[in-house]
Amino acid sequence: MSKYFIFIPNLLSLIRIALIYPILNNIYSGNFEVSIIFFIIASLTDGLDGFLARKMNWQTYLGTLLDPIADKLLLSGTIFILWLNQYIPFYIFIIFISRDIAILLGASIQMTLMESNTPLPNLL
């Protein structure tokens, strides 16, 4: 029966991706309360999709791609909008974007040199 629900973590990642626009739009418009509500919902979908994928063994190749993409888009987009509206200084924006680029490059190098699958996230 559980094989019929394997798509749920992927659906949660897609919901998180769909929430990026309302989050960023509300931050840009200065509607911080609404953006925080959407951000909390996005965070809950992130935690739930990881929990279900691991505990219920509902991991898919698509999910290993969607989850980090959703995370990077949400964080990078939020940092960009905060910088664009001058809520954070440029150097903070550069630090976050550099971190994401370093992670992407490191994962790409690991996958290429070690011929491994997508690296699994950890708590570090």
PDB file of N, CA and C in Angstrom:
ATOM      1  N   MET A   1       0.817  -1.195   0.000  1.00  0.00           N
ATOM      2  CA  MET A   1       0.000   0.000   0.000  1.00  0.00           C
ATOM      3  C   MET A   1       0.862   1.261   0.000  1.00  0.00           C
ATOM      4  N   SER A   2       1.999   1.236   0.718  1.00  0.00           N
ATOM      5  CA  SER A   2       2.804   2.454   0.829  1.00  0.00           C
ATOM      6  C   SER A   2       3.418   2.871  -0.507  1.00  0.00           C
ATOM      7  N   LYS A   3       3.559   1.939  -1.455  1.00  0.00           N
ATOM      8  CA  LYS A   3       4.128   2.313  -2.748  1.00  0.00           C
ATOM      9  C   LYS A   3       3.228   3.287  -3.498  1.00  0.00           C
ATOM     10  N   TYR A   4       1.955   3.327  -3.151  1.00  0.00           N
ATOM     11  CA  TYR A   4       1.030   4.252  -3.792  1.00  0.00           C
ATOM     12  C   TYR A   4       1.211   5.685  -3.295  1.00  0.00           C
ATOM     13  N   PHE A   5       1.889   5.862  -2.184  1.00  0.00           N
ATOM     14  CA  PHE A   5       2.070   7.189  -1.599  1.00  0.00           C
ATOM     15  C   PHE A   5       3.478   7.737  -1.801  1.00  0.00           C
ATOM     16  N   ILE A   6       4.289   7.062  -2.599  1.00  0.00           N
ATOM     17  CA  ILE A   6       5.686   7.446  -2.779  1.00  0.00           C
ATOM     18  C   ILE A   6       5.817   8.844  -3.379  1.00  0.00           C
ATOM     19  N   PHE A   7       4.781   9.323  -4.057  1.00  0.00           N
ATOM     20  CA  PHE A   7       4.818  10.639  -4.691  1.00  0.00           C
ATOM     21  C   PHE A   7       4.639  11.789  -3.695  1.00  0.00           C
ATOM     22  N   ILE A   8       4.191  11.513  -2.482  1.00  0.00           N
ATOM     23  CA  ILE A   8       3.852  12.572  -1.521  1.00  0.00           C
ATOM     24  C   ILE A   8       5.051  13.478  -1.205  1.00  0.00           C
ATOM     25  N   PRO A   9       6.248  12.949  -0.910  1.00  0.00           N
ATOM     26  CA  PRO A   9       7.377  13.862  -0.673  1.00  0.00           C
ATOM     27  C   PRO A   9       7.671  14.767  -1.877  1.00  0.00           C
ATOM     28  N   ASN A  10       7.548  14.225  -3.097  1.00  0.00           N
ATOM     29  CA  ASN A  10       7.773  15.043  -4.288  1.00  0.00           C
ATOM     30  C   ASN A  10       6.712  16.130  -4.409  1.00  0.00           C
ATOM     31  N   LEU A  11       5.477  15.790  -4.090  1.00  0.00           N
ATOM     32  CA  LEU A  11       4.394  16.769  -4.112  1.00  0.00           C
ATOM     33  C   LEU A  11       4.663  17.888  -3.105  1.00  0.00           C
ATOM     34  N   LEU A  12       5.152  17.526  -1.936  1.00  0.00           N
ATOM     35  CA  LEU A  12       5.482  18.533  -0.925  1.00  0.00           C
ATOM     36  C   LEU A  12       6.607  19.454  -1.401  1.00  0.00           C
ATOM     37  N   SER A  13       7.585  18.896  -2.115  1.00  0.00           N
ATOM     38  CA  SER A  13       8.657  19.735  -2.676  1.00  0.00           C
ATOM     39  C   SER A  13       8.103  20.679  -3.739  1.00  0.00           C
ATOM     40  N   LEU A  14       7.175  20.188  -4.550  1.00  0.00           N
ATOM     41  CA  LEU A  14       6.554  21.040  -5.569  1.00  0.00           C
ATOM     42  C   LEU A  14       5.719  22.147  -4.929  1.00  0.00           C
ATOM     43  N   ILE A  15       5.045  21.826  -3.837  1.00  0.00           N
ATOM     44  CA  ILE A  15       4.287  22.852  -3.106  1.00  0.00           C
ATOM     45  C   ILE A  15       5.244  23.919  -2.587  1.00  0.00           C
ATOM     46  N   ARG A  16       6.389  23.487  -2.070  1.00  0.00           N
ATOM     47  CA  ARG A  16       7.388  24.434  -1.572  1.00  0.00           C
ATOM     48  C   ARG A  16       7.879  25.336  -2.704  1.00  0.00           C
ATOM     49  N   ILE A  17       8.107  24.768  -3.871  1.00  0.00           N
ATOM     50  CA  ILE A  17       8.524  25.571  -5.025  1.00  0.00           C
ATOM     51  C   ILE A  17       7.420  26.561  -5.400  1.00  0.00           C
ATOM     52  N   ALA A  18       6.164  26.109  -5.364  1.00  0.00           N
ATOM     53  CA  ALA A  18       5.040  26.995  -5.688  1.00  0.00           C
ATOM     54  C   ALA A  18       4.895  28.126  -4.672  1.00  0.00           C
ATOM     55  N   LEU A  19       5.307  27.907  -3.445  1.00  0.00           N
ATOM     56  CA  LEU A  19       5.207  28.939  -2.407  1.00  0.00           C
ATOM     57  C   LEU A  19       6.293  30.011  -2.525  1.00  0.00           C
ATOM     58  N   ILE A  20       7.309  29.763  -3.334  1.00  0.00           N
ATOM     59  CA  ILE A  20       8.411  30.720  -3.449  1.00  0.00           C
ATOM     60  C   ILE A  20       7.912  32.063  -3.976  1.00  0.00           C
ATOM     61  N   TYR A  21       7.093  32.045  -5.019  1.00  0.00           N
ATOM     62  CA  TYR A  21       6.614  33.316  -5.579  1.00  0.00           C
ATOM     63  C   TYR A  21       5.823  34.137  -4.566  1.00  0.00           C
ATOM     64  N   PRO A  22       4.809  33.562  -3.885  1.00  0.00           N
ATOM     65  CA  PRO A  22       4.100  34.394  -2.904  1.00  0.00           C
ATOM     66  C   PRO A  22       4.995  34.885  -1.764  1.00  0.00           C
ATOM     67  N   ILE A  23       5.960  34.076  -1.365  1.00  0.00           N
ATOM     68  CA  ILE A  23       6.884  34.516  -0.308  1.00  0.00           C
ATOM     69  C   ILE A  23       7.681  35.726  -0.782  1.00  0.00           C
ATOM     70  N   LEU A  24       8.308  35.600  -1.946  1.00  0.00           N
ATOM     71  CA  LEU A  24       9.152  36.680  -2.454  1.00  0.00           C
ATOM     72  C   LEU A  24       8.335  37.922  -2.786  1.00  0.00           C
ATOM     73  N   ASN A  25       7.165  37.726  -3.377  1.00  0.00           N
ATOM     74  CA  ASN A  25       6.308  38.857  -3.730  1.00  0.00           C
ATOM     75  C   ASN A  25       5.859  39.622  -2.487  1.00  0.00           C
ATOM     76  N   ASN A  26       5.512  38.898  -1.442  1.00  0.00           N
ATOM     77  CA  ASN A  26       5.076  39.553  -0.210  1.00  0.00           C
ATOM     78  C   ASN A  26       6.231  40.248   0.510  1.00  0.00           C
ATOM     79  N   ILE A  27       7.431  39.674   0.461  1.00  0.00           N
ATOM     80  CA  ILE A  27       8.593  40.363   1.033  1.00  0.00           C
ATOM     81  C   ILE A  27       8.845  41.653   0.252  1.00  0.00           C
ATOM     82  N   TYR A  28       8.818  41.540  -1.077  1.00  0.00           N
ATOM     83  CA  TYR A  28       9.066  42.706  -1.931  1.00  0.00           C
ATOM     84  C   TYR A  28       8.044  43.813  -1.676  1.00  0.00           C
ATOM     85  N   SER A  29       6.790  43.420  -1.442  1.00  0.00           N
ATOM     86  CA  SER A  29       5.706  44.383  -1.208  1.00  0.00           C
ATOM     87  C   SER A  29       5.663  44.891   0.224  1.00  0.00           C
ATOM     88  N   GLY A  30       6.467  44.309   1.091  1.00  0.00           N
ATOM     89  CA  GLY A  30       6.485  44.738   2.484  1.00  0.00           C
ATOM     90  C   GLY A  30       5.445  44.064   3.361  1.00  0.00           C
ATOM     91  N   ASN A  31       4.797  43.022   2.840  1.00  0.00           N
ATOM     92  CA  ASN A  31       3.803  42.259   3.612  1.00  0.00           C
ATOM     93  C   ASN A  31       4.514  41.135   4.366  1.00  0.00           C
ATOM     94  N   PHE A  32       5.261  41.496   5.388  1.00  0.00           N
ATOM     95  CA  PHE A  32       6.109  40.529   6.073  1.00  0.00           C
ATOM     96  C   PHE A  32       5.317  39.473   6.831  1.00  0.00           C
ATOM     97  N   GLU A  33       4.184  39.840   7.391  1.00  0.00           N
ATOM     98  CA  GLU A  33       3.379  38.865   8.140  1.00  0.00           C
ATOM     99  C   GLU A  33       2.908  37.740   7.221  1.00  0.00           C
ATOM    100  N   VAL A  34       2.438  38.108   6.029  1.00  0.00           N
ATOM    101  CA  VAL A  34       1.969  37.105   5.068  1.00  0.00           C
ATOM    102  C   VAL A  34       3.141  36.256   4.590  1.00  0.00           C
ATOM    103  N   SER A  35       4.275  36.900   4.298  1.00  0.00           N
ATOM    104  CA  SER A  35       5.432  36.139   3.823  1.00  0.00           C
ATOM    105  C   SER A  35       5.935  35.179   4.894  1.00  0.00           C
ATOM    106  N   ILE A  36       5.863  35.570   6.153  1.00  0.00           N
ATOM    107  CA  ILE A  36       6.293  34.676   7.235  1.00  0.00           C
ATOM    108  C   ILE A  36       5.367  33.467   7.324  1.00  0.00           C
ATOM    109  N   ILE A  37       4.075  33.675   7.151  1.00  0.00           N
ATOM    110  CA  ILE A  37       3.129  32.550   7.173  1.00  0.00           C
ATOM    111  C   ILE A  37       3.455  31.575   6.046  1.00  0.00           C
ATOM    112  N   PHE A  38       3.658  32.102   4.832  1.00  0.00           N
ATOM    113  CA  PHE A  38       4.019  31.233   3.706  1.00  0.00           C
ATOM    114  C   PHE A  38       5.366  30.549   3.947  1.00  0.00           C
ATOM    115  N   PHE A  39       6.309  31.267   4.544  1.00  0.00           N
ATOM    116  CA  PHE A  39       7.633  30.702   4.827  1.00  0.00           C
ATOM    117  C   PHE A  39       7.528  29.563   5.841  1.00  0.00           C
ATOM    118  N   ILE A  40       6.685  29.725   6.840  1.00  0.00           N
ATOM    119  CA  ILE A  40       6.478  28.655   7.829  1.00  0.00           C
ATOM    120  C   ILE A  40       5.872  27.431   7.157  1.00  0.00           C
ATOM    121  N   ILE A  41       4.890  27.648   6.287  1.00  0.00           N
ATOM    122  CA  ILE A  41       4.285  26.525   5.558  1.00  0.00           C
ATOM    123  C   ILE A  41       5.340  25.828   4.701  1.00  0.00           C
ATOM    124  N   ALA A  42       6.169  26.614   4.003  1.00  0.00           N
ATOM    125  CA  ALA A  42       7.234  26.034   3.180  1.00  0.00           C
ATOM    126  C   ALA A  42       8.215  25.239   4.036  1.00  0.00           C
ATOM    127  N   SER A  43       8.546  25.753   5.204  1.00  0.00           N
ATOM    128  CA  SER A  43       9.461  25.043   6.110  1.00  0.00           C
ATOM    129  C   SER A  43       8.861  23.732   6.597  1.00  0.00           C
ATOM    130  N   LEU A  44       7.576  23.761   6.897  1.00  0.00           N
ATOM    131  CA  LEU A  44       6.905  22.531   7.333  1.00  0.00           C
ATOM    132  C   LEU A  44       6.881  21.489   6.222  1.00  0.00           C
ATOM    133  N   THR A  45       6.635  21.921   4.981  1.00  0.00           N
ATOM    134  CA  THR A  45       6.649  20.959   3.873  1.00  0.00           C
ATOM    135  C   THR A  45       8.045  20.385   3.678  1.00  0.00           C
ATOM    136  N   ASP A  46       9.076  21.209   3.910  1.00  0.00           N
ATOM    137  CA  ASP A  46      10.455  20.729   3.788  1.00  0.00           C
ATOM    138  C   ASP A  46      10.741  19.641   4.817  1.00  0.00           C
ATOM    139  N   GLY A  47      10.387  19.903   6.059  1.00  0.00           N
ATOM    140  CA  GLY A  47      10.613  18.910   7.115  1.00  0.00           C
ATOM    141  C   GLY A  47       9.800  17.651   6.907  1.00  0.00           C
ATOM    142  N   LEU A  48       8.540  17.822   6.522  1.00  0.00           N
ATOM    143  CA  LEU A  48       7.659  16.670   6.338  1.00  0.00           C
ATOM    144  C   LEU A  48       8.093  15.825   5.155  1.00  0.00           C
ATOM    145  N   ASP A  49       8.510  16.477   4.068  1.00  0.00           N
ATOM    146  CA  ASP A  49       8.915  15.669   2.912  1.00  0.00           C
ATOM    147  C   ASP A  49      10.167  14.860   3.213  1.00  0.00           C
ATOM    148  N   GLY A  50      11.113  15.436   3.938  1.00  0.00           N
ATOM    149  CA  GLY A  50      12.310  14.675   4.319  1.00  0.00           C
ATOM    150  C   GLY A  50      11.993  13.543   5.267  1.00  0.00           C
ATOM    151  N   PHE A  51      11.130  13.811   6.230  1.00  0.00           N
ATOM    152  CA  PHE A  51      10.730  12.790   7.194  1.00  0.00           C
ATOM    153  C   PHE A  51      10.042  11.619   6.491  1.00  0.00           C
ATOM    154  N   LEU A  52       9.068  11.926   5.639  1.00  0.00           N
ATOM    155  CA  LEU A  52       8.331  10.861   4.947  1.00  0.00           C
ATOM    156  C   LEU A  52       9.234  10.072   4.004  1.00  0.00           C
ATOM    157  N   ALA A  53      10.096  10.778   3.289  1.00  0.00           N
ATOM    158  CA  ALA A  53      10.975  10.089   2.341  1.00  0.00           C
ATOM    159  C   ALA A  53      11.881   9.093   3.053  1.00  0.00           C
ATOM    160  N   ARG A  54      12.409   9.477   4.201  1.00  0.00           N
ATOM    161  CA  ARG A  54      13.338   8.588   4.906  1.00  0.00           C
ATOM    162  C   ARG A  54      12.626   7.529   5.743  1.00  0.00           C
ATOM    163  N   LYS A  55      11.669   7.943   6.538  1.00  0.00           N
ATOM    164  CA  LYS A  55      11.016   7.012   7.467  1.00  0.00           C
ATOM    165  C   LYS A  55      10.104   6.015   6.767  1.00  0.00           C
ATOM    166  N   MET A  56       9.453   6.464   5.701  1.00  0.00           N
ATOM    167  CA  MET A  56       8.527   5.580   4.993  1.00  0.00           C
ATOM    168  C   MET A  56       9.189   4.924   3.777  1.00  0.00           C
ATOM    169  N   ASN A  57      10.469   5.249   3.558  1.00  0.00           N
ATOM    170  CA  ASN A  57      11.216   4.725   2.417  1.00  0.00           C
ATOM    171  C   ASN A  57      10.554   5.129   1.094  1.00  0.00           C
ATOM    172  N   TRP A  58      10.141   6.397   1.024  1.00  0.00           N
ATOM    173  CA  TRP A  58       9.509   6.937  -0.176  1.00  0.00           C
ATOM    174  C   TRP A  58      10.482   7.809  -0.957  1.00  0.00           C
ATOM    175  N   GLN A  59      11.754   7.473  -0.925  1.00  0.00           N
ATOM    176  CA  GLN A  59      12.756   8.255  -1.634  1.00  0.00           C
ATOM    177  C   GLN A  59      12.703   7.935  -3.118  1.00  0.00           C
ATOM    178  N   THR A  60      12.804   8.990  -3.933  1.00  0.00           N
ATOM    179  CA  THR A  60      12.840   8.830  -5.382  1.00  0.00           C
ATOM    180  C   THR A  60      13.991   9.663  -5.937  1.00  0.00           C
ATOM    181  N   TYR A  61      14.397   9.331  -7.137  1.00  0.00           N
ATOM    182  CA  TYR A  61      15.446  10.117  -7.792  1.00  0.00           C
ATOM    183  C   TYR A  61      14.972  11.556  -7.999  1.00  0.00           C
ATOM    184  N   LEU A  62      13.717  11.705  -8.424  1.00  0.00           N
ATOM    185  CA  LEU A  62      13.157  13.041  -8.609  1.00  0.00           C
ATOM    186  C   LEU A  62      13.204  13.837  -7.309  1.00  0.00           C
ATOM    187  N   GLY A  63      12.896  13.190  -6.215  1.00  0.00           N
ATOM    188  CA  GLY A  63      12.916  13.857  -4.916  1.00  0.00           C
ATOM    189  C   GLY A  63      14.307  14.314  -4.514  1.00  0.00           C
ATOM    190  N   THR A  64      15.333  13.507  -4.853  1.00  0.00           N
ATOM    191  CA  THR A  64      16.704  13.904  -4.515  1.00  0.00           C
ATOM    192  C   THR A  64      17.132  15.136  -5.308  1.00  0.00           C
ATOM    193  N   LEU A  65      16.463  15.389  -6.430  1.00  0.00           N
ATOM    194  CA  LEU A  65      16.746  16.595  -7.206  1.00  0.00           C
ATOM    195  C   LEU A  65      15.866  17.765  -6.774  1.00  0.00           C
ATOM    196  N   LEU A  66      14.569  17.495  -6.600  1.00  0.00           N
ATOM    197  CA  LEU A  66      13.610  18.557  -6.279  1.00  0.00           C
ATOM    198  C   LEU A  66      13.888  19.226  -4.940  1.00  0.00           C
ATOM    199  N   ASP A  67      14.178  18.444  -3.924  1.00  0.00           N
ATOM    200  CA  ASP A  67      14.325  18.995  -2.581  1.00  0.00           C
ATOM    201  C   ASP A  67      15.441  20.037  -2.489  1.00  0.00           C
ATOM    202  N   PRO A  68      16.663  19.734  -2.938  1.00  0.00           N
ATOM    203  CA  PRO A  68      17.700  20.770  -2.849  1.00  0.00           C
ATOM    204  C   PRO A  68      17.437  21.956  -3.777  1.00  0.00           C
ATOM    205  N   ILE A  69      16.799  21.703  -4.930  1.00  0.00           N
ATOM    206  CA  ILE A  69      16.465  22.810  -5.829  1.00  0.00           C
ATOM    207  C   ILE A  69      15.484  23.754  -5.143  1.00  0.00           C
ATOM    208  N   ALA A  70      14.463  23.185  -4.516  1.00  0.00           N
ATOM    209  CA  ALA A  70      13.482  24.009  -3.799  1.00  0.00           C
ATOM    210  C   ALA A  70      14.163  24.804  -2.689  1.00  0.00           C
ATOM    211  N   ASP A  71      15.046  24.154  -1.955  1.00  0.00           N
ATOM    212  CA  ASP A  71      15.761  24.840  -0.865  1.00  0.00           C
ATOM    213  C   ASP A  71      16.605  25.998  -1.391  1.00  0.00           C
ATOM    214  N   LYS A  72      17.364  25.739  -2.459  1.00  0.00           N
ATOM    215  CA  LYS A  72      18.240  26.774  -3.017  1.00  0.00           C
ATOM    216  C   LYS A  72      17.429  27.936  -3.579  1.00  0.00           C
ATOM    217  N   LEU A  73      16.350  27.638  -4.290  1.00  0.00           N
ATOM    218  CA  LEU A  73      15.523  28.705  -4.854  1.00  0.00           C
ATOM    219  C   LEU A  73      14.894  29.559  -3.762  1.00  0.00           C
ATOM    220  N   LEU A  74      14.400  28.914  -2.726  1.00  0.00           N
ATOM    221  CA  LEU A  74      13.755  29.651  -1.638  1.00  0.00           C
ATOM    222  C   LEU A  74      14.763  30.539  -0.905  1.00  0.00           C
ATOM    223  N   LEU A  75      15.892  29.975  -0.518  1.00  0.00           N
ATOM    224  CA  LEU A  75      16.886  30.752   0.228  1.00  0.00           C
ATOM    225  C   LEU A  75      17.507  31.848  -0.637  1.00  0.00           C
ATOM    226  N   SER A  76      17.937  31.497  -1.835  1.00  0.00           N
ATOM    227  CA  SER A  76      18.581  32.480  -2.709  1.00  0.00           C
ATOM    228  C   SER A  76      17.613  33.589  -3.105  1.00  0.00           C
ATOM    229  N   GLY A  77      16.383  33.210  -3.420  1.00  0.00           N
ATOM    230  CA  GLY A  77      15.382  34.210  -3.778  1.00  0.00           C
ATOM    231  C   GLY A  77      15.077  35.148  -2.632  1.00  0.00           C
ATOM    232  N   THR A  78      14.951  34.598  -1.432  1.00  0.00           N
ATOM    233  CA  THR A  78      14.671  35.420  -0.255  1.00  0.00           C
ATOM    234  C   THR A  78      15.819  36.382   0.023  1.00  0.00           C
ATOM    235  N   ILE A  79      17.033  35.880  -0.024  1.00  0.00           N
ATOM    236  CA  ILE A  79      18.202  36.734   0.213  1.00  0.00           C
ATOM    237  C   ILE A  79      18.292  37.828  -0.850  1.00  0.00           C
ATOM    238  N   PHE A  80      18.003  37.465  -2.099  1.00  0.00           N
ATOM    239  CA  PHE A  80      18.049  38.452  -3.186  1.00  0.00           C
ATOM    240  C   PHE A  80      17.022  39.567  -2.974  1.00  0.00           C
ATOM    241  N   ILE A  81      15.793  39.199  -2.642  1.00  0.00           N
ATOM    242  CA  ILE A  81      14.742  40.203  -2.426  1.00  0.00           C
ATOM    243  C   ILE A  81      15.071  41.073  -1.215  1.00  0.00           C
ATOM    244  N   LEU A  82      15.594  40.465  -0.166  1.00  0.00           N
ATOM    245  CA  LEU A  82      15.979  41.255   1.011  1.00  0.00           C
ATOM    246  C   LEU A  82      17.072  42.263   0.657  1.00  0.00           C
ATOM    247  N   TRP A  83      18.033  41.845  -0.166  1.00  0.00           N
ATOM    248  CA  TRP A  83      19.081  42.769  -0.601  1.00  0.00           C
ATOM    249  C   TRP A  83      18.505  43.829  -1.543  1.00  0.00           C
ATOM    250  N   LEU A  84      17.663  43.419  -2.483  1.00  0.00           N
ATOM    251  CA  LEU A  84      17.073  44.339  -3.450  1.00  0.00           C
ATOM    252  C   LEU A  84      16.296  45.458  -2.753  1.00  0.00           C
ATOM    253  N   ASN A  85      15.598  45.120  -1.696  1.00  0.00           N
ATOM    254  CA  ASN A  85      14.835  46.114  -0.928  1.00  0.00           C
ATOM    255  C   ASN A  85      15.686  46.795   0.149  1.00  0.00           C
ATOM    256  N   GLN A  86      16.981  46.512   0.140  1.00  0.00           N
ATOM    257  CA  GLN A  86      17.954  47.121   1.048  1.00  0.00           C
ATOM    258  C   GLN A  86      17.687  46.803   2.524  1.00  0.00           C
ATOM    259  N   TYR A  87      17.191  45.583   2.780  1.00  0.00           N
ATOM    260  CA  TYR A  87      17.018  45.127   4.162  1.00  0.00           C
ATOM    261  C   TYR A  87      18.290  44.477   4.694  1.00  0.00           C
ATOM    262  N   ILE A  88      19.129  43.991   3.778  1.00  0.00           N
ATOM    263  CA  ILE A  88      20.422  43.421   4.168  1.00  0.00           C
ATOM    264  C   ILE A  88      21.495  44.033   3.274  1.00  0.00           C
ATOM    265  N   PRO A  89      22.731  44.125   3.772  1.00  0.00           N
ATOM    266  CA  PRO A  89      23.808  44.681   2.944  1.00  0.00           C
ATOM    267  C   PRO A  89      24.244  43.693   1.861  1.00  0.00           C
ATOM    268  N   PHE A  90      24.907  44.252   0.847  1.00  0.00           N
ATOM    269  CA  PHE A  90      25.340  43.461  -0.300  1.00  0.00           C
ATOM    270  C   PHE A  90      26.258  42.315   0.102  1.00  0.00           C
ATOM    271  N   TYR A  91      27.152  42.545   1.062  1.00  0.00           N
ATOM    272  CA  TYR A  91      28.100  41.490   1.434  1.00  0.00           C
ATOM    273  C   TYR A  91      27.388  40.266   2.027  1.00  0.00           C
ATOM    274  N   ILE A  92      26.275  40.461   2.721  1.00  0.00           N
ATOM    275  CA  ILE A  92      25.500  39.323   3.235  1.00  0.00           C
ATOM    276  C   ILE A  92      24.920  38.531   2.065  1.00  0.00           C
ATOM    277  N   PHE A  93      24.398  39.244   1.078  1.00  0.00           N
ATOM    278  CA  PHE A  93      23.882  38.604  -0.137  1.00  0.00           C
ATOM    279  C   PHE A  93      24.979  37.770  -0.798  1.00  0.00           C
ATOM    280  N   ILE A  94      26.174  38.347  -0.939  1.00  0.00           N
ATOM    281  CA  ILE A  94      27.298  37.646  -1.578  1.00  0.00           C
ATOM    282  C   ILE A  94      27.708  36.418  -0.767  1.00  0.00           C
ATOM    283  N   ILE A  95      27.723  36.528   0.551  1.00  0.00           N
ATOM    284  CA  ILE A  95      28.089  35.387   1.402  1.00  0.00           C
ATOM    285  C   ILE A  95      27.128  34.224   1.169  1.00  0.00           C
ATOM    286  N   PHE A  96      25.832  34.494   1.179  1.00  0.00           N
ATOM    287  CA  PHE A  96      24.852  33.423   0.989  1.00  0.00           C
ATOM    288  C   PHE A  96      24.927  32.818  -0.407  1.00  0.00           C
ATOM    289  N   ILE A  97      25.048  33.658  -1.424  1.00  0.00           N
ATOM    290  CA  ILE A  97      25.118  33.151  -2.794  1.00  0.00           C
ATOM    291  C   ILE A  97      26.415  32.362  -2.995  1.00  0.00           C
ATOM    292  N   SER A  98      27.524  32.848  -2.440  1.00  0.00           N
ATOM    293  CA  SER A  98      28.803  32.124  -2.541  1.00  0.00           C
ATOM    294  C   SER A  98      28.713  30.761  -1.872  1.00  0.00           C
ATOM    295  N   ARG A  99      28.042  30.713  -0.737  1.00  0.00           N
ATOM    296  CA  ARG A  99      27.857  29.443  -0.024  1.00  0.00           C
ATOM    297  C   ARG A  99      27.104  28.448  -0.904  1.00  0.00           C
ATOM    298  N   ASP A 100      26.013  28.898  -1.525  1.00  0.00           N
ATOM    299  CA  ASP A 100      25.236  28.003  -2.378  1.00  0.00           C
ATOM    300  C   ASP A 100      26.030  27.557  -3.602  1.00  0.00           C
ATOM    301  N   ILE A 101      26.787  28.466  -4.185  1.00  0.00           N
ATOM    302  CA  ILE A 101      27.617  28.103  -5.337  1.00  0.00           C
ATOM    303  C   ILE A 101      28.673  27.082  -4.921  1.00  0.00           C
ATOM    304  N   ALA A 102      29.288  27.274  -3.763  1.00  0.00           N
ATOM    305  CA  ALA A 102      30.292  26.322  -3.268  1.00  0.00           C
ATOM    306  C   ALA A 102      29.674  24.945  -3.032  1.00  0.00           C
ATOM    307  N   ILE A 103      28.475  24.914  -2.480  1.00  0.00           N
ATOM    308  CA  ILE A 103      27.789  23.637  -2.249  1.00  0.00           C
ATOM    309  C   ILE A 103      27.490  22.951  -3.574  1.00  0.00           C
ATOM    310  N   LEU A 104      26.982  23.705  -4.549  1.00  0.00           N
ATOM    311  CA  LEU A 104      26.673  23.122  -5.858  1.00  0.00           C
ATOM    312  C   LEU A 104      27.928  22.609  -6.552  1.00  0.00           C
ATOM    313  N   LEU A 105      29.005  23.385  -6.492  1.00  0.00           N
ATOM    314  CA  LEU A 105      30.261  22.941  -7.101  1.00  0.00           C
ATOM    315  C   LEU A 105      30.818  21.710  -6.394  1.00  0.00           C
ATOM    316  N   GLY A 106      30.780  21.721  -5.072  1.00  0.00           N
ATOM    317  CA  GLY A 106      31.271  20.570  -4.314  1.00  0.00           C
ATOM    318  C   GLY A 106      30.489  19.304  -4.617  1.00  0.00           C
ATOM    319  N   ALA A 107      29.174  19.428  -4.682  1.00  0.00           N
ATOM    320  CA  ALA A 107      28.343  18.265  -4.997  1.00  0.00           C
ATOM    321  C   ALA A 107      28.607  17.783  -6.418  1.00  0.00           C
ATOM    322  N   SER A 108      28.775  18.721  -7.354  1.00  0.00           N
ATOM    323  CA  SER A 108      29.057  18.345  -8.743  1.00  0.00           C
ATOM    324  C   SER A 108      30.394  17.630  -8.864  1.00  0.00           C
ATOM    325  N   ILE A 109      31.403  18.145  -8.166  1.00  0.00           N
ATOM    326  CA  ILE A 109      32.724  17.509  -8.197  1.00  0.00           C
ATOM    327  C   ILE A 109      32.656  16.118  -7.581  1.00  0.00           C
ATOM    328  N   GLN A 110      31.965  16.003  -6.449  1.00  0.00           N
ATOM    329  CA  GLN A 110      31.842  14.696  -5.802  1.00  0.00           C
ATOM    330  C   GLN A 110      31.141  13.700  -6.721  1.00  0.00           C
ATOM    331  N   MET A 111      30.068  14.141  -7.353  1.00  0.00           N
ATOM    332  CA  MET A 111      29.319  13.235  -8.225  1.00  0.00           C
ATOM    333  C   MET A 111      30.134  12.846  -9.452  1.00  0.00           C
ATOM    334  N   THR A 112      30.943  13.780  -9.960  1.00  0.00           N
ATOM    335  CA  THR A 112      31.743  13.508 -11.152  1.00  0.00           C
ATOM    336  C   THR A 112      32.945  12.623 -10.836  1.00  0.00           C
ATOM    337  N   LEU A 113      33.724  12.999  -9.840  1.00  0.00           N
ATOM    338  CA  LEU A 113      34.954  12.270  -9.531  1.00  0.00           C
ATOM    339  C   LEU A 113      34.688  10.908  -8.906  1.00  0.00           C
ATOM    340  N   MET A 114      33.703  10.840  -8.048  1.00  0.00           N
ATOM    341  CA  MET A 114      33.424   9.589  -7.347  1.00  0.00           C
ATOM    342  C   MET A 114      32.337   8.772  -8.028  1.00  0.00           C
ATOM    343  N   GLU A 115      31.803   9.323  -9.133  1.00  0.00           N
ATOM    344  CA  GLU A 115      30.723   8.657  -9.858  1.00  0.00           C
ATOM    345  C   GLU A 115      29.639   8.182  -8.898  1.00  0.00           C
ATOM    346  N   SER A 116      29.234   9.083  -8.024  1.00  0.00           N
ATOM    347  CA  SER A 116      28.216   8.740  -7.033  1.00  0.00           C
ATOM    348  C   SER A 116      26.905   9.438  -7.359  1.00  0.00           C
ATOM    349  N   ASN A 117      25.881   9.029  -6.631  1.00  0.00           N
ATOM    350  CA  ASN A 117      24.576   9.656  -6.773  1.00  0.00           C
ATOM    351  C   ASN A 117      24.587  11.026  -6.119  1.00  0.00           C
ATOM    352  N   THR A 118      23.444  11.669  -6.151  1.00  0.00           N
ATOM    353  CA  THR A 118      23.291  12.963  -5.501  1.00  0.00           C
ATOM    354  C   THR A 118      23.627  12.823  -4.029  1.00  0.00           C
ATOM    355  N   PRO A 119      24.501  13.685  -3.499  1.00  0.00           N
ATOM    356  CA  PRO A 119      24.854  13.587  -2.075  1.00  0.00           C
ATOM    357  C   PRO A 119      23.628  13.796  -1.192  1.00  0.00           C
ATOM    358  N   LEU A 120      23.534  13.015  -0.145  1.00  0.00           N
ATOM    359  CA  LEU A 120      22.423  13.155   0.787  1.00  0.00           C
ATOM    360  C   LEU A 120      22.705  14.289   1.761  1.00  0.00           C
ATOM    361  N   PRO A 121      21.667  15.028   2.126  1.00  0.00           N
ATOM    362  CA  PRO A 121      21.881  16.105   3.097  1.00  0.00           C
ATOM    363  C   PRO A 121      22.211  15.541   4.470  1.00  0.00           C
ATOM    364  N   ASN A 122      22.896  16.346   5.262  1.00  0.00           N
ATOM    365  CA  ASN A 122      23.164  15.962   6.641  1.00  0.00           C
ATOM    366  C   ASN A 122      22.858  17.156   7.532  1.00  0.00           C
ATOM    367  N   LEU A 123      23.059  17.009   8.808  1.00  0.00           N
ATOM    368  CA  LEU A 123      22.697  18.069   9.740  1.00  0.00           C
ATOM    369  C   LEU A 123      23.780  19.116   9.928  1.00  0.00           C
ATOM    370  N   LEU A 124      24.879  19.024   9.193  1.00  0.00           N
ATOM    371  CA  LEU A 124      25.954  20.020   9.331  1.00  0.00           C
ATOM    372  C   LEU A 124      25.542  21.279   8.716  1.00  0.00           C
TER     373      LEU A 124
END
